[in-house]
mmCIF file of all heavy atoms, coordinates in Angstrom:
data_MODEL
# 
_entry.id   MODEL 
# 
loop_
_atom_site.group_PDB 
_atom_site.id 
_atom_site.type_symbol 
_atom_site.label_atom_id 
_atom_site.label_alt_id 
_atom_site.label_comp_id 
_atom_site.label_asym_id 
_atom_site.label_entity_id 
_atom_site.label_seq_id 
_atom_site.pdbx_PDB_ins_code 
_atom_site.Cartn_x 
_atom_site.Cartn_y 
_atom_site.Cartn_z 
_atom_site.occupancy 
_atom_site.B_iso_or_equiv 
_atom_site.pdbx_formal_charge 
_atom_site.auth_seq_id 
_atom_site.auth_comp_id 
_atom_site.auth_asym_id 
_atom_site.auth_atom_id 
_atom_site.pdbx_PDB_model_num 
ATOM 1   N N   . HIS A 1 1  ? 50.958 123.807 130.269 1.00 0.00 ? 1  HIS A N   1 
ATOM 2   C CA  . HIS A 1 1  ? 52.163 123.137 130.772 1.00 0.00 ? 1  HIS A CA  1 
ATOM 3   C C   . HIS A 1 1  ? 52.023 122.966 132.276 1.00 0.00 ? 1  HIS A C   1 
ATOM 4   O O   . HIS A 1 1  ? 52.135 123.922 133.039 1.00 0.00 ? 1  HIS A O   1 
ATOM 5   C CB  . HIS A 1 1  ? 53.398 123.973 130.433 1.00 0.00 ? 1  HIS A CB  1 
ATOM 6   C CG  . HIS A 1 1  ? 54.697 123.281 130.720 1.00 0.00 ? 1  HIS A CG  1 
ATOM 7   N ND1 . HIS A 1 1  ? 55.229 123.224 131.983 1.00 0.00 ? 1  HIS A ND1 1 
ATOM 8   C CD2 . HIS A 1 1  ? 55.563 122.615 129.909 1.00 0.00 ? 1  HIS A CD2 1 
ATOM 9   C CE1 . HIS A 1 1  ? 56.376 122.557 131.945 1.00 0.00 ? 1  HIS A CE1 1 
ATOM 10  N NE2 . HIS A 1 1  ? 56.590 122.177 130.696 1.00 0.00 ? 1  HIS A NE2 1 
ATOM 11  N N   . SER A 1 2  ? 51.764 121.722 132.697 1.00 0.00 ? 2  SER A N   1 
ATOM 12  C CA  . SER A 1 2  ? 51.539 121.429 134.115 1.00 0.00 ? 2  SER A CA  1 
ATOM 13  C C   . SER A 1 2  ? 52.444 120.292 134.588 1.00 0.00 ? 2  SER A C   1 
ATOM 14  O O   . SER A 1 2  ? 52.077 119.535 135.478 1.00 0.00 ? 2  SER A O   1 
ATOM 15  C CB  . SER A 1 2  ? 50.055 121.067 134.332 1.00 0.00 ? 2  SER A CB  1 
ATOM 16  O OG  . SER A 1 2  ? 49.778 120.847 135.685 1.00 0.00 ? 2  SER A OG  1 
ATOM 17  N N   . ILE A 1 3  ? 53.611 120.179 133.960 1.00 0.00 ? 3  ILE A N   1 
ATOM 18  C CA  . ILE A 1 3  ? 54.537 119.107 134.322 1.00 0.00 ? 3  ILE A CA  1 
ATOM 19  C C   . ILE A 1 3  ? 55.190 119.423 135.660 1.00 0.00 ? 3  ILE A C   1 
ATOM 20  O O   . ILE A 1 3  ? 55.742 120.498 135.853 1.00 0.00 ? 3  ILE A O   1 
ATOM 21  C CB  . ILE A 1 3  ? 55.614 118.916 133.234 1.00 0.00 ? 3  ILE A CB  1 
ATOM 22  C CG1 . ILE A 1 3  ? 54.961 118.432 131.931 1.00 0.00 ? 3  ILE A CG1 1 
ATOM 23  C CG2 . ILE A 1 3  ? 56.681 117.935 133.699 1.00 0.00 ? 3  ILE A CG2 1 
ATOM 24  C CD1 . ILE A 1 3  ? 55.912 118.339 130.756 1.00 0.00 ? 3  ILE A CD1 1 
ATOM 25  N N   . ALA A 1 4  ? 55.111 118.474 136.574 1.00 0.00 ? 4  ALA A N   1 
ATOM 26  C CA  . ALA A 1 4  ? 55.744 118.615 137.889 1.00 0.00 ? 4  ALA A CA  1 
ATOM 27  C C   . ALA A 1 4  ? 56.722 117.460 138.068 1.00 0.00 ? 4  ALA A C   1 
ATOM 28  O O   . ALA A 1 4  ? 56.397 116.438 138.657 1.00 0.00 ? 4  ALA A O   1 
ATOM 29  C CB  . ALA A 1 4  ? 54.696 118.618 138.989 1.00 0.00 ? 4  ALA A CB  1 
ATOM 30  N N   . ARG A 1 5  ? 57.886 117.643 137.510 1.00 0.00 ? 5  ARG A N   1 
ATOM 31  C CA  . ARG A 1 5  ? 58.907 116.588 137.582 1.00 0.00 ? 5  ARG A CA  1 
ATOM 32  C C   . ARG A 1 5  ? 60.249 117.251 137.874 1.00 0.00 ? 5  ARG A C   1 
ATOM 33  O O   . ARG A 1 5  ? 60.854 117.867 136.998 1.00 0.00 ? 5  ARG A O   1 
ATOM 34  C CB  . ARG A 1 5  ? 58.973 115.811 136.269 1.00 0.00 ? 5  ARG A CB  1 
ATOM 35  C CG  . ARG A 1 5  ? 59.817 114.537 136.346 1.00 0.00 ? 5  ARG A CG  1 
ATOM 36  C CD  . ARG A 1 5  ? 59.843 113.822 135.015 1.00 0.00 ? 5  ARG A CD  1 
ATOM 37  N NE  . ARG A 1 5  ? 58.502 113.550 134.497 1.00 0.00 ? 5  ARG A NE  1 
ATOM 38  C CZ  . ARG A 1 5  ? 58.258 113.032 133.299 1.00 0.00 ? 5  ARG A CZ  1 
ATOM 39  N NH1 . ARG A 1 5  ? 59.263 112.752 132.481 1.00 0.00 ? 5  ARG A NH1 1 
ATOM 40  N NH2 . ARG A 1 5  ? 57.018 112.818 132.903 1.00 0.00 ? 5  ARG A NH2 1 
ATOM 41  N N   . GLY A 1 6  ? 60.681 117.160 139.124 1.00 0.00 ? 6  GLY A N   1 
ATOM 42  C CA  . GLY A 1 6  ? 61.925 117.836 139.481 1.00 0.00 ? 6  GLY A CA  1 
ATOM 43  C C   . GLY A 1 6  ? 62.605 117.177 140.659 1.00 0.00 ? 6  GLY A C   1 
ATOM 44  O O   . GLY A 1 6  ? 62.056 116.278 141.297 1.00 0.00 ? 6  GLY A O   1 
ATOM 45  N N   . ASN A 1 7  ? 63.798 117.643 140.942 1.00 0.00 ? 7  ASN A N   1 
ATOM 46  C CA  . ASN A 1 7  ? 64.597 117.106 142.034 1.00 0.00 ? 7  ASN A CA  1 
ATOM 47  C C   . ASN A 1 7  ? 64.467 117.994 143.261 1.00 0.00 ? 7  ASN A C   1 
ATOM 48  O O   . ASN A 1 7  ? 64.638 119.217 143.181 1.00 0.00 ? 7  ASN A O   1 
ATOM 49  C CB  . ASN A 1 7  ? 66.071 117.014 141.614 1.00 0.00 ? 7  ASN A CB  1 
ATOM 50  C CG  . ASN A 1 7  ? 66.285 115.921 140.589 1.00 0.00 ? 7  ASN A CG  1 
ATOM 51  O OD1 . ASN A 1 7  ? 66.308 114.751 140.913 1.00 0.00 ? 7  ASN A OD1 1 
ATOM 52  N ND2 . ASN A 1 7  ? 66.414 116.312 139.327 1.00 0.00 ? 7  ASN A ND2 1 
ATOM 53  N N   . LEU A 1 8  ? 64.158 117.383 144.384 1.00 0.00 ? 8  LEU A N   1 
ATOM 54  C CA  . LEU A 1 8  ? 63.976 118.106 145.636 1.00 0.00 ? 8  LEU A CA  1 
ATOM 55  C C   . LEU A 1 8  ? 65.085 117.697 146.606 1.00 0.00 ? 8  LEU A C   1 
ATOM 56  O O   . LEU A 1 8  ? 64.953 116.750 147.373 1.00 0.00 ? 8  LEU A O   1 
ATOM 57  C CB  . LEU A 1 8  ? 62.591 117.792 146.227 1.00 0.00 ? 8  LEU A CB  1 
ATOM 58  C CG  . LEU A 1 8  ? 61.413 118.234 145.361 1.00 0.00 ? 8  LEU A CG  1 
ATOM 59  C CD1 . LEU A 1 8  ? 60.107 117.655 145.883 1.00 0.00 ? 8  LEU A CD1 1 
ATOM 60  C CD2 . LEU A 1 8  ? 61.331 119.760 145.291 1.00 0.00 ? 8  LEU A CD2 1 
ATOM 61  N N   . LYS A 1 9  ? 66.193 118.431 146.527 1.00 0.00 ? 9  LYS A N   1 
ATOM 62  C CA  . LYS A 1 9  ? 67.364 118.155 147.349 1.00 0.00 ? 9  LYS A CA  1 
ATOM 63  C C   . LYS A 1 9  ? 67.967 119.470 147.822 1.00 0.00 ? 9  LYS A C   1 
ATOM 64  O O   . LYS A 1 9  ? 67.790 120.503 147.190 1.00 0.00 ? 9  LYS A O   1 
ATOM 65  C CB  . LYS A 1 9  ? 68.428 117.385 146.544 1.00 0.00 ? 9  LYS A CB  1 
ATOM 66  C CG  . LYS A 1 9  ? 67.972 116.057 145.957 1.00 0.00 ? 9  LYS A CG  1 
ATOM 67  C CD  . LYS A 1 9  ? 69.078 115.473 145.085 1.00 0.00 ? 9  LYS A CD  1 
ATOM 68  C CE  . LYS A 1 9  ? 68.632 114.210 144.363 1.00 0.00 ? 9  LYS A CE  1 
ATOM 69  N NZ  . LYS A 1 9  ? 69.705 113.705 143.459 1.00 0.00 ? 9  LYS A NZ  1 
ATOM 70  N N   . PRO A 1 10 ? 68.712 119.437 148.922 1.00 0.00 ? 10 PRO A N   1 
ATOM 71  C CA  . PRO A 1 10 ? 69.392 120.661 149.370 1.00 0.00 ? 10 PRO A CA  1 
ATOM 72  C C   . PRO A 1 10 ? 70.604 120.971 148.499 1.00 0.00 ? 10 PRO A C   1 
ATOM 73  O O   . PRO A 1 10 ? 71.108 120.103 147.777 1.00 0.00 ? 10 PRO A O   1 
ATOM 74  C CB  . PRO A 1 10 ? 69.814 120.312 150.799 1.00 0.00 ? 10 PRO A CB  1 
ATOM 75  C CG  . PRO A 1 10 ? 69.986 118.827 150.775 1.00 0.00 ? 10 PRO A CG  1 
ATOM 76  C CD  . PRO A 1 10 ? 68.919 118.308 149.841 1.00 0.00 ? 10 PRO A CD  1 
ATOM 77  N N   . LEU A 1 11 ? 71.085 122.194 148.582 1.00 0.00 ? 11 LEU A N   1 
ATOM 78  C CA  . LEU A 1 11 ? 72.271 122.598 147.814 1.00 0.00 ? 11 LEU A CA  1 
ATOM 79  C C   . LEU A 1 11 ? 73.554 122.011 148.397 1.00 0.00 ? 11 LEU A C   1 
ATOM 80  O O   . LEU A 1 11 ? 74.505 121.719 147.668 1.00 0.00 ? 11 LEU A O   1 
ATOM 81  C CB  . LEU A 1 11 ? 72.377 124.125 147.788 1.00 0.00 ? 11 LEU A CB  1 
ATOM 82  C CG  . LEU A 1 11 ? 71.297 124.879 147.037 1.00 0.00 ? 11 LEU A CG  1 
ATOM 83  C CD1 . LEU A 1 11 ? 71.552 126.383 147.133 1.00 0.00 ? 11 LEU A CD1 1 
ATOM 84  C CD2 . LEU A 1 11 ? 71.242 124.448 145.579 1.00 0.00 ? 11 LEU A CD2 1 
ATOM 85  N N   . VAL A 1 12 ? 73.598 121.890 149.701 1.00 0.00 ? 12 VAL A N   1 
ATOM 86  C CA  . VAL A 1 12 ? 74.774 121.313 150.366 1.00 0.00 ? 12 VAL A CA  1 
ATOM 87  C C   . VAL A 1 12 ? 74.302 120.294 151.387 1.00 0.00 ? 12 VAL A C   1 
ATOM 88  O O   . VAL A 1 12 ? 73.175 120.365 151.896 1.00 0.00 ? 12 VAL A O   1 
ATOM 89  C CB  . VAL A 1 12 ? 75.639 122.395 151.073 1.00 0.00 ? 12 VAL A CB  1 
ATOM 90  C CG1 . VAL A 1 12 ? 76.252 123.336 150.050 1.00 0.00 ? 12 VAL A CG1 1 
ATOM 91  C CG2 . VAL A 1 12 ? 74.816 123.173 152.092 1.00 0.00 ? 12 VAL A CG2 1 
ATOM 92  N N   . ALA A 1 13 ? 75.193 119.349 151.703 1.00 0.00 ? 13 ALA A N   1 
ATOM 93  C CA  . ALA A 1 13 ? 74.847 118.322 152.674 1.00 0.00 ? 13 ALA A CA  1 
ATOM 94  C C   . ALA A 1 13 ? 74.621 118.945 154.047 1.00 0.00 ? 13 ALA A C   1 
ATOM 95  O O   . ALA A 1 13 ? 75.275 119.925 154.415 1.00 0.00 ? 13 ALA A O   1 
ATOM 96  C CB  . ALA A 1 13 ? 75.962 117.282 152.742 1.00 0.00 ? 13 ALA A CB  1 
ATOM 97  N N   . ARG A 1 14 ? 73.673 118.380 154.759 1.00 0.00 ? 14 ARG A N   1 
ATOM 98  C CA  . ARG A 1 14 ? 73.385 118.920 156.093 1.00 0.00 ? 14 ARG A CA  1 
ATOM 99  C C   . ARG A 1 14 ? 74.577 118.777 157.037 1.00 0.00 ? 14 ARG A C   1 
ATOM 100 O O   . ARG A 1 14 ? 74.777 119.570 157.936 1.00 0.00 ? 14 ARG A O   1 
ATOM 101 C CB  . ARG A 1 14 ? 72.147 118.223 156.656 1.00 0.00 ? 14 ARG A CB  1 
ATOM 102 C CG  . ARG A 1 14 ? 70.871 118.650 155.920 1.00 0.00 ? 14 ARG A CG  1 
ATOM 103 C CD  . ARG A 1 14 ? 69.646 117.869 156.376 1.00 0.00 ? 14 ARG A CD  1 
ATOM 104 N NE  . ARG A 1 14 ? 68.453 118.366 155.710 1.00 0.00 ? 14 ARG A NE  1 
ATOM 105 C CZ  . ARG A 1 14 ? 68.069 117.994 154.492 1.00 0.00 ? 14 ARG A CZ  1 
ATOM 106 N NH1 . ARG A 1 14 ? 68.800 117.129 153.810 1.00 0.00 ? 14 ARG A NH1 1 
ATOM 107 N NH2 . ARG A 1 14 ? 66.969 118.478 153.944 1.00 0.00 ? 14 ARG A NH2 1 
ATOM 108 N N   . GLU A 1 15 ? 75.363 117.733 156.818 1.00 0.00 ? 15 GLU A N   1 
ATOM 109 C CA  . GLU A 1 15 ? 76.614 117.560 157.559 1.00 0.00 ? 15 GLU A CA  1 
ATOM 110 C C   . GLU A 1 15 ? 77.730 117.370 156.541 1.00 0.00 ? 15 GLU A C   1 
ATOM 111 O O   . GLU A 1 15 ? 77.777 116.356 155.860 1.00 0.00 ? 15 GLU A O   1 
ATOM 112 C CB  . GLU A 1 15 ? 76.544 116.354 158.492 1.00 0.00 ? 15 GLU A CB  1 
ATOM 113 C CG  . GLU A 1 15 ? 75.542 116.532 159.623 1.00 0.00 ? 15 GLU A CG  1 
ATOM 114 C CD  . GLU A 1 15 ? 75.573 115.357 160.592 1.00 0.00 ? 15 GLU A CD  1 
ATOM 115 O OE1 . GLU A 1 15 ? 76.469 114.496 160.444 1.00 0.00 ? 15 GLU A OE1 1 
ATOM 116 O OE2 . GLU A 1 15 ? 74.704 115.303 161.476 1.00 0.00 ? 15 GLU A OE2 1 
ATOM 117 N N   . LEU A 1 16 ? 78.598 118.352 156.425 1.00 0.00 ? 16 LEU A N   1 
ATOM 118 C CA  . LEU A 1 16 ? 79.653 118.295 155.429 1.00 0.00 ? 16 LEU A CA  1 
ATOM 119 C C   . LEU A 1 16 ? 80.636 117.187 155.791 1.00 0.00 ? 16 LEU A C   1 
ATOM 120 O O   . LEU A 1 16 ? 81.267 117.206 156.845 1.00 0.00 ? 16 LEU A O   1 
ATOM 121 C CB  . LEU A 1 16 ? 80.379 119.642 155.349 1.00 0.00 ? 16 LEU A CB  1 
ATOM 122 C CG  . LEU A 1 16 ? 79.538 120.811 154.809 1.00 0.00 ? 16 LEU A CG  1 
ATOM 123 C CD1 . LEU A 1 16 ? 80.343 122.097 154.844 1.00 0.00 ? 16 LEU A CD1 1 
ATOM 124 C CD2 . LEU A 1 16 ? 79.076 120.517 153.390 1.00 0.00 ? 16 LEU A CD2 1 
ATOM 125 N N   . SER A 1 17 ? 80.755 116.216 154.901 1.00 0.00 ? 17 SER A N   1 
ATOM 126 C CA  . SER A 1 17 ? 81.639 115.080 155.153 1.00 0.00 ? 17 SER A CA  1 
ATOM 127 C C   . SER A 1 17 ? 82.642 114.861 154.036 1.00 0.00 ? 17 SER A C   1 
ATOM 128 O O   . SER A 1 17 ? 83.436 113.945 154.078 1.00 0.00 ? 17 SER A O   1 
ATOM 129 C CB  . SER A 1 17 ? 80.815 113.797 155.325 1.00 0.00 ? 17 SER A CB  1 
ATOM 130 O OG  . SER A 1 17 ? 80.092 113.521 154.135 1.00 0.00 ? 17 SER A OG  1 
ATOM 131 N N   . GLY A 1 18 ? 82.554 115.709 153.022 1.00 0.00 ? 18 GLY A N   1 
ATOM 132 C CA  . GLY A 1 18 ? 83.448 115.532 151.876 1.00 0.00 ? 18 GLY A CA  1 
ATOM 133 C C   . GLY A 1 18 ? 82.854 114.657 150.799 1.00 0.00 ? 18 GLY A C   1 
ATOM 134 O O   . GLY A 1 18 ? 83.364 114.580 149.687 1.00 0.00 ? 18 GLY A O   1 
ATOM 135 N N   . ASN A 1 19 ? 81.761 113.951 151.119 1.00 0.00 ? 19 ASN A N   1 
ATOM 136 C CA  . ASN A 1 19 ? 81.104 113.100 150.134 1.00 0.00 ? 19 ASN A CA  1 
ATOM 137 C C   . ASN A 1 19 ? 79.641 113.517 150.034 1.00 0.00 ? 19 ASN A C   1 
ATOM 138 O O   . ASN A 1 19 ? 78.831 113.183 150.889 1.00 0.00 ? 19 ASN A O   1 
ATOM 139 C CB  . ASN A 1 19 ? 81.203 111.627 150.545 1.00 0.00 ? 19 ASN A CB  1 
ATOM 140 C CG  . ASN A 1 19 ? 80.495 110.715 149.547 1.00 0.00 ? 19 ASN A CG  1 
ATOM 141 O OD1 . ASN A 1 19 ? 80.189 111.138 148.433 1.00 0.00 ? 19 ASN A OD1 1 
ATOM 142 N ND2 . ASN A 1 19 ? 80.241 109.485 149.941 1.00 0.00 ? 19 ASN A ND2 1 
ATOM 143 N N   . GLU A 1 20 ? 79.321 114.255 148.988 1.00 0.00 ? 20 GLU A N   1 
ATOM 144 C CA  . GLU A 1 20 ? 77.970 114.788 148.850 1.00 0.00 ? 20 GLU A CA  1 
ATOM 145 C C   . GLU A 1 20 ? 77.144 114.049 147.799 1.00 0.00 ? 20 GLU A C   1 
ATOM 146 O O   . GLU A 1 20 ? 76.025 114.417 147.521 1.00 0.00 ? 20 GLU A O   1 
ATOM 147 C CB  . GLU A 1 20 ? 78.034 116.272 148.480 1.00 0.00 ? 20 GLU A CB  1 
ATOM 148 C CG  . GLU A 1 20 ? 78.640 117.137 149.558 1.00 0.00 ? 20 GLU A CG  1 
ATOM 149 C CD  . GLU A 1 20 ? 78.674 118.597 149.151 1.00 0.00 ? 20 GLU A CD  1 
ATOM 150 O OE1 . GLU A 1 20 ? 78.655 118.878 147.938 1.00 0.00 ? 20 GLU A OE1 1 
ATOM 151 O OE2 . GLU A 1 20 ? 78.723 119.437 150.043 1.00 0.00 ? 20 GLU A OE2 1 
ATOM 152 N N   . SER A 1 21 ? 77.700 112.989 147.207 1.00 0.00 ? 21 SER A N   1 
ATOM 153 C CA  . SER A 1 21 ? 77.010 112.299 146.124 1.00 0.00 ? 21 SER A CA  1 
ATOM 154 C C   . SER A 1 21 ? 75.692 111.707 146.623 1.00 0.00 ? 21 SER A C   1 
ATOM 155 O O   . SER A 1 21 ? 75.617 111.087 147.671 1.00 0.00 ? 21 SER A O   1 
ATOM 156 C CB  . SER A 1 21 ? 77.895 111.189 145.556 1.00 0.00 ? 21 SER A CB  1 
ATOM 157 O OG  . SER A 1 21 ? 78.184 110.233 146.550 1.00 0.00 ? 21 SER A OG  1 
ATOM 158 N N   . GLY A 1 22 ? 74.624 111.922 145.830 1.00 0.00 ? 22 GLY A N   1 
ATOM 159 C CA  . GLY A 1 22 ? 73.328 111.362 146.146 1.00 0.00 ? 22 GLY A CA  1 
ATOM 160 C C   . GLY A 1 22 ? 72.549 112.110 147.199 1.00 0.00 ? 22 GLY A C   1 
ATOM 161 O O   . GLY A 1 22 ? 71.373 111.843 147.416 1.00 0.00 ? 22 GLY A O   1 
ATOM 162 N N   . GLU A 1 23 ? 73.152 113.067 147.893 1.00 0.00 ? 23 GLU A N   1 
ATOM 163 C CA  . GLU A 1 23 ? 72.474 113.767 148.972 1.00 0.00 ? 23 GLU A CA  1 
ATOM 164 C C   . GLU A 1 23 ? 72.146 115.209 148.622 1.00 0.00 ? 23 GLU A C   1 
ATOM 165 O O   . GLU A 1 23 ? 71.279 115.803 149.252 1.00 0.00 ? 23 GLU A O   1 
ATOM 166 C CB  . GLU A 1 23 ? 73.346 113.752 150.233 1.00 0.00 ? 23 GLU A CB  1 
ATOM 167 C CG  . GLU A 1 23 ? 73.620 112.365 150.774 1.00 0.00 ? 23 GLU A CG  1 
ATOM 168 C CD  . GLU A 1 23 ? 74.480 112.397 152.022 1.00 0.00 ? 23 GLU A CD  1 
ATOM 169 O OE1 . GLU A 1 23 ? 74.789 113.511 152.496 1.00 0.00 ? 23 GLU A OE1 1 
ATOM 170 O OE2 . GLU A 1 23 ? 74.844 111.328 152.508 1.00 0.00 ? 23 GLU A OE2 1 
ATOM 171 N N   . VAL A 1 24 ? 72.859 115.763 147.668 1.00 0.00 ? 24 VAL A N   1 
ATOM 172 C CA  . VAL A 1 24 ? 72.675 117.170 147.355 1.00 0.00 ? 24 VAL A CA  1 
ATOM 173 C C   . VAL A 1 24 ? 72.354 117.347 145.872 1.00 0.00 ? 24 VAL A C   1 
ATOM 174 O O   . VAL A 1 24 ? 72.526 116.441 145.065 1.00 0.00 ? 24 VAL A O   1 
ATOM 175 C CB  . VAL A 1 24 ? 73.939 117.987 147.700 1.00 0.00 ? 24 VAL A CB  1 
ATOM 176 C CG1 . VAL A 1 24 ? 74.237 117.902 149.179 1.00 0.00 ? 24 VAL A CG1 1 
ATOM 177 C CG2 . VAL A 1 24 ? 75.131 117.516 146.888 1.00 0.00 ? 24 VAL A CG2 1 
# 
């Protein structure tokens, strides 16, 4: 099993703006 398919995103937005969709 050598599948490397994943999401590489932070847990929270670097600048909290109330809209985290697509960034976290």
